[in-house]
N, C-alpha and C. Protein backbone atom coordinates (compact mmCIF):
# COMPACT_ATOMS: atom_id res chain seq x y z
N MET A 1 42.42 21.88 29.59
CA MET A 1 42.19 20.62 30.27
C MET A 1 43.53 20.09 30.77
N ASP A 2 43.61 19.75 32.03
CA ASP A 2 44.83 19.22 32.63
C ASP A 2 44.82 17.70 32.54
N HIS A 3 45.45 17.18 31.48
CA HIS A 3 45.46 15.74 31.27
C HIS A 3 46.18 14.99 32.38
N ALA A 4 47.21 15.59 32.95
CA ALA A 4 47.97 14.93 34.02
C ALA A 4 47.09 14.68 35.23
N ALA A 5 46.17 15.59 35.52
CA ALA A 5 45.28 15.44 36.67
C ALA A 5 44.31 14.28 36.49
N TRP A 6 44.02 13.93 35.25
CA TRP A 6 43.05 12.88 34.96
C TRP A 6 43.71 11.64 34.36
N GLN A 7 44.99 11.47 34.58
CA GLN A 7 45.70 10.30 34.07
C GLN A 7 45.04 9.04 34.62
N GLY A 8 44.82 8.06 33.77
CA GLY A 8 44.13 6.85 34.18
C GLY A 8 42.64 6.90 33.89
N VAL A 9 42.13 8.10 33.62
CA VAL A 9 40.72 8.27 33.26
C VAL A 9 40.63 8.79 31.83
N MET A 10 41.48 9.75 31.51
CA MET A 10 41.44 10.41 30.22
C MET A 10 42.81 10.35 29.56
N GLY A 11 42.81 10.08 28.26
CA GLY A 11 44.05 10.06 27.51
C GLY A 11 44.46 11.45 27.05
N PRO A 12 45.52 11.53 26.26
CA PRO A 12 46.07 12.82 25.85
C PRO A 12 45.35 13.49 24.68
N HIS A 13 44.30 12.87 24.14
CA HIS A 13 43.70 13.38 22.91
C HIS A 13 42.24 13.82 23.08
N SER A 14 41.98 14.68 24.05
CA SER A 14 40.63 15.23 24.19
C SER A 14 40.48 16.38 23.20
N LEU A 15 39.29 16.96 23.15
CA LEU A 15 39.06 18.06 22.21
C LEU A 15 39.28 19.43 22.84
N GLY A 16 39.67 19.49 24.09
CA GLY A 16 39.95 20.80 24.68
C GLY A 16 39.25 21.04 25.99
N SER A 17 38.46 22.10 26.04
CA SER A 17 37.86 22.56 27.30
C SER A 17 36.87 21.54 27.86
N CYS A 18 36.52 21.76 29.12
CA CYS A 18 35.67 20.82 29.85
C CYS A 18 34.57 21.60 30.57
N ASN A 19 33.31 21.24 30.35
CA ASN A 19 32.22 21.91 31.06
C ASN A 19 31.90 21.15 32.36
N ASP A 20 30.91 21.62 33.11
CA ASP A 20 30.58 21.02 34.41
C ASP A 20 30.15 19.56 34.27
N ASN A 21 29.38 19.24 33.24
CA ASN A 21 28.93 17.86 33.05
C ASN A 21 30.10 16.94 32.74
N GLU A 22 31.03 17.41 31.92
CA GLU A 22 32.20 16.59 31.61
C GLU A 22 33.08 16.40 32.84
N LEU A 23 33.18 17.41 33.67
CA LEU A 23 33.93 17.30 34.91
C LEU A 23 33.28 16.27 35.84
N HIS A 24 31.96 16.30 35.90
CA HIS A 24 31.24 15.30 36.70
C HIS A 24 31.50 13.89 36.16
N LEU A 25 31.49 13.75 34.84
CA LEU A 25 31.78 12.46 34.22
C LEU A 25 33.19 11.99 34.58
N LEU A 26 34.17 12.88 34.55
CA LEU A 26 35.54 12.51 34.91
C LEU A 26 35.62 12.04 36.36
N HIS A 27 34.95 12.73 37.27
CA HIS A 27 34.94 12.33 38.68
C HIS A 27 34.29 10.95 38.84
N THR A 28 33.18 10.73 38.14
CA THR A 28 32.49 9.45 38.22
C THR A 28 33.36 8.33 37.68
N CYS A 29 34.04 8.58 36.57
CA CYS A 29 34.94 7.57 36.00
C CYS A 29 36.08 7.25 36.96
N ALA A 30 36.64 8.26 37.59
CA ALA A 30 37.73 8.03 38.55
C ALA A 30 37.24 7.19 39.72
N LYS A 31 36.06 7.49 40.21
CA LYS A 31 35.50 6.76 41.35
C LYS A 31 35.26 5.30 41.03
N HIS A 32 34.84 5.01 39.79
CA HIS A 32 34.48 3.64 39.41
C HIS A 32 35.55 2.95 38.55
N ARG A 33 36.72 3.56 38.48
CA ARG A 33 37.86 2.98 37.75
C ARG A 33 37.52 2.73 36.27
N LEU A 34 36.93 3.75 35.65
CA LEU A 34 36.60 3.70 34.23
C LEU A 34 37.49 4.67 33.48
N LEU A 35 37.60 4.48 32.18
CA LEU A 35 38.33 5.45 31.37
C LEU A 35 37.55 5.78 30.12
N LEU A 36 37.84 6.97 29.59
CA LEU A 36 37.18 7.46 28.37
C LEU A 36 38.02 7.04 27.17
N THR A 37 37.59 6.00 26.48
CA THR A 37 38.42 5.49 25.38
C THR A 37 38.57 6.49 24.25
N ASN A 38 37.59 7.38 24.07
CA ASN A 38 37.64 8.38 22.99
C ASN A 38 38.89 9.25 23.07
N THR A 39 39.46 9.40 24.26
CA THR A 39 40.58 10.32 24.46
C THR A 39 41.94 9.64 24.35
N PHE A 40 41.95 8.35 24.07
CA PHE A 40 43.21 7.62 23.97
C PHE A 40 43.66 7.42 22.53
N PHE A 41 42.83 7.79 21.58
CA PHE A 41 43.15 7.63 20.17
C PHE A 41 43.16 8.99 19.49
N ARG A 42 43.85 9.07 18.36
CA ARG A 42 43.99 10.36 17.67
C ARG A 42 43.48 10.29 16.23
N PRO A 43 42.20 10.01 16.05
CA PRO A 43 41.66 10.06 14.69
C PRO A 43 41.44 11.52 14.29
N PRO A 44 41.15 11.78 13.02
CA PRO A 44 40.80 13.15 12.63
C PRO A 44 39.59 13.63 13.45
N THR A 45 39.48 14.92 13.66
CA THR A 45 38.40 15.48 14.49
C THR A 45 37.04 14.97 14.04
N ARG A 46 36.81 14.87 12.75
CA ARG A 46 35.51 14.42 12.24
C ARG A 46 35.19 12.99 12.68
N GLU A 47 36.21 12.17 12.95
CA GLU A 47 36.00 10.80 13.41
C GLU A 47 36.01 10.70 14.93
N LYS A 48 36.30 11.79 15.60
CA LYS A 48 36.32 11.80 17.07
C LYS A 48 35.09 12.51 17.63
N ALA A 49 34.79 13.68 17.11
CA ALA A 49 33.67 14.48 17.60
C ALA A 49 32.36 13.92 17.07
N THR A 50 31.28 14.22 17.80
CA THR A 50 29.98 13.67 17.41
C THR A 50 28.94 14.74 17.09
N TRP A 51 29.32 16.01 17.20
CA TRP A 51 28.39 17.09 16.89
C TRP A 51 29.17 18.32 16.49
N VAL A 52 28.67 19.04 15.48
CA VAL A 52 29.31 20.28 15.06
C VAL A 52 28.30 21.43 15.20
N HIS A 53 28.75 22.53 15.80
CA HIS A 53 27.92 23.72 15.95
C HIS A 53 27.78 24.37 14.58
N LEU A 54 26.56 24.63 14.14
CA LEU A 54 26.34 25.11 12.78
C LEU A 54 26.98 26.46 12.49
N ARG A 55 26.89 27.40 13.42
CA ARG A 55 27.46 28.73 13.15
C ARG A 55 28.98 28.77 13.32
N SER A 56 29.47 28.20 14.40
CA SER A 56 30.91 28.29 14.65
C SER A 56 31.70 27.22 13.90
N ARG A 57 31.01 26.18 13.46
CA ARG A 57 31.64 25.03 12.78
C ARG A 57 32.65 24.33 13.70
N ARG A 58 32.47 24.49 15.00
CA ARG A 58 33.36 23.86 15.98
C ARG A 58 32.79 22.49 16.36
N TRP A 59 33.64 21.48 16.34
CA TRP A 59 33.23 20.12 16.68
C TRP A 59 33.24 19.93 18.19
N HIS A 60 32.30 19.11 18.68
CA HIS A 60 32.18 18.80 20.10
C HIS A 60 32.05 17.29 20.29
N LEU A 61 32.60 16.82 21.38
CA LEU A 61 32.50 15.40 21.73
C LEU A 61 31.36 15.24 22.73
N LEU A 62 30.25 14.66 22.28
CA LEU A 62 29.08 14.49 23.13
C LEU A 62 28.93 13.06 23.63
N ASP A 63 29.43 12.11 22.89
CA ASP A 63 29.27 10.70 23.21
C ASP A 63 30.61 10.11 23.61
N TYR A 64 30.61 9.41 24.72
CA TYR A 64 31.84 8.81 25.23
C TYR A 64 31.68 7.30 25.31
N VAL A 65 32.76 6.59 25.07
CA VAL A 65 32.79 5.15 25.25
C VAL A 65 33.62 4.89 26.49
N LEU A 66 33.00 4.27 27.50
CA LEU A 66 33.65 4.02 28.78
C LEU A 66 33.96 2.53 28.91
N VAL A 67 35.13 2.22 29.43
CA VAL A 67 35.49 0.83 29.74
C VAL A 67 36.19 0.80 31.10
N ARG A 68 36.19 -0.37 31.71
CA ARG A 68 36.96 -0.53 32.94
C ARG A 68 38.43 -0.40 32.60
N ARG A 69 39.19 0.20 33.49
CA ARG A 69 40.62 0.40 33.23
C ARG A 69 41.32 -0.91 32.90
N ARG A 70 40.93 -1.97 33.59
CA ARG A 70 41.61 -3.25 33.36
C ARG A 70 41.33 -3.82 31.97
N ASP A 71 40.31 -3.30 31.28
CA ASP A 71 39.96 -3.78 29.94
C ASP A 71 40.50 -2.88 28.83
N ARG A 72 41.31 -1.91 29.17
CA ARG A 72 41.81 -0.95 28.17
C ARG A 72 42.50 -1.64 26.99
N GLN A 73 43.26 -2.68 27.26
CA GLN A 73 44.01 -3.36 26.20
C GLN A 73 43.10 -4.03 25.18
N ASP A 74 41.83 -4.23 25.52
CA ASP A 74 40.89 -4.86 24.60
C ASP A 74 40.28 -3.88 23.60
N VAL A 75 40.46 -2.58 23.81
CA VAL A 75 39.90 -1.56 22.92
C VAL A 75 40.98 -1.16 21.91
N LEU A 76 40.73 -1.44 20.65
CA LEU A 76 41.72 -1.16 19.61
C LEU A 76 41.54 0.22 18.99
N VAL A 77 40.30 0.69 18.92
CA VAL A 77 40.03 2.02 18.36
C VAL A 77 38.63 2.46 18.80
N THR A 78 38.46 3.76 18.95
CA THR A 78 37.14 4.34 19.23
C THR A 78 37.01 5.54 18.30
N LYS A 79 35.96 5.54 17.48
CA LYS A 79 35.75 6.69 16.60
C LYS A 79 34.28 6.84 16.28
N ALA A 80 33.90 8.04 15.92
CA ALA A 80 32.52 8.36 15.57
C ALA A 80 32.28 8.02 14.11
N ILE A 81 31.05 7.63 13.81
CA ILE A 81 30.64 7.39 12.43
C ILE A 81 29.68 8.52 12.07
N CYS A 82 30.13 9.40 11.21
CA CYS A 82 29.33 10.57 10.83
C CYS A 82 28.04 10.16 10.13
N ASP A 83 26.97 10.87 10.44
CA ASP A 83 25.66 10.65 9.83
C ASP A 83 25.14 9.25 10.05
N ALA A 84 25.48 8.62 11.17
CA ALA A 84 25.04 7.27 11.44
C ALA A 84 23.53 7.20 11.68
N ASP A 85 22.93 8.32 12.10
CA ASP A 85 21.49 8.29 12.39
C ASP A 85 20.64 8.77 11.22
N GLY A 86 21.20 8.91 10.09
CA GLY A 86 20.39 9.26 8.94
C GLY A 86 20.99 10.33 8.16
């Protein structure tokens, strides 16, 4: 993932590769001046990712918190709460 190309939309702490849907999300965020708050903080992977693949045990970020760029200073932390749905 080229963080420099998405500066202003994505922070330096993503989980790695980007699929087509995530690329579409990045383009949409850029167009509407939004940013992915999940990528601006560096919590442990378990507090950042929202799904783990059972066989590979690899964590994935499925849920994003978006805010307007001008409101970035109002977001103090973004993290996942494991097992929040039961």
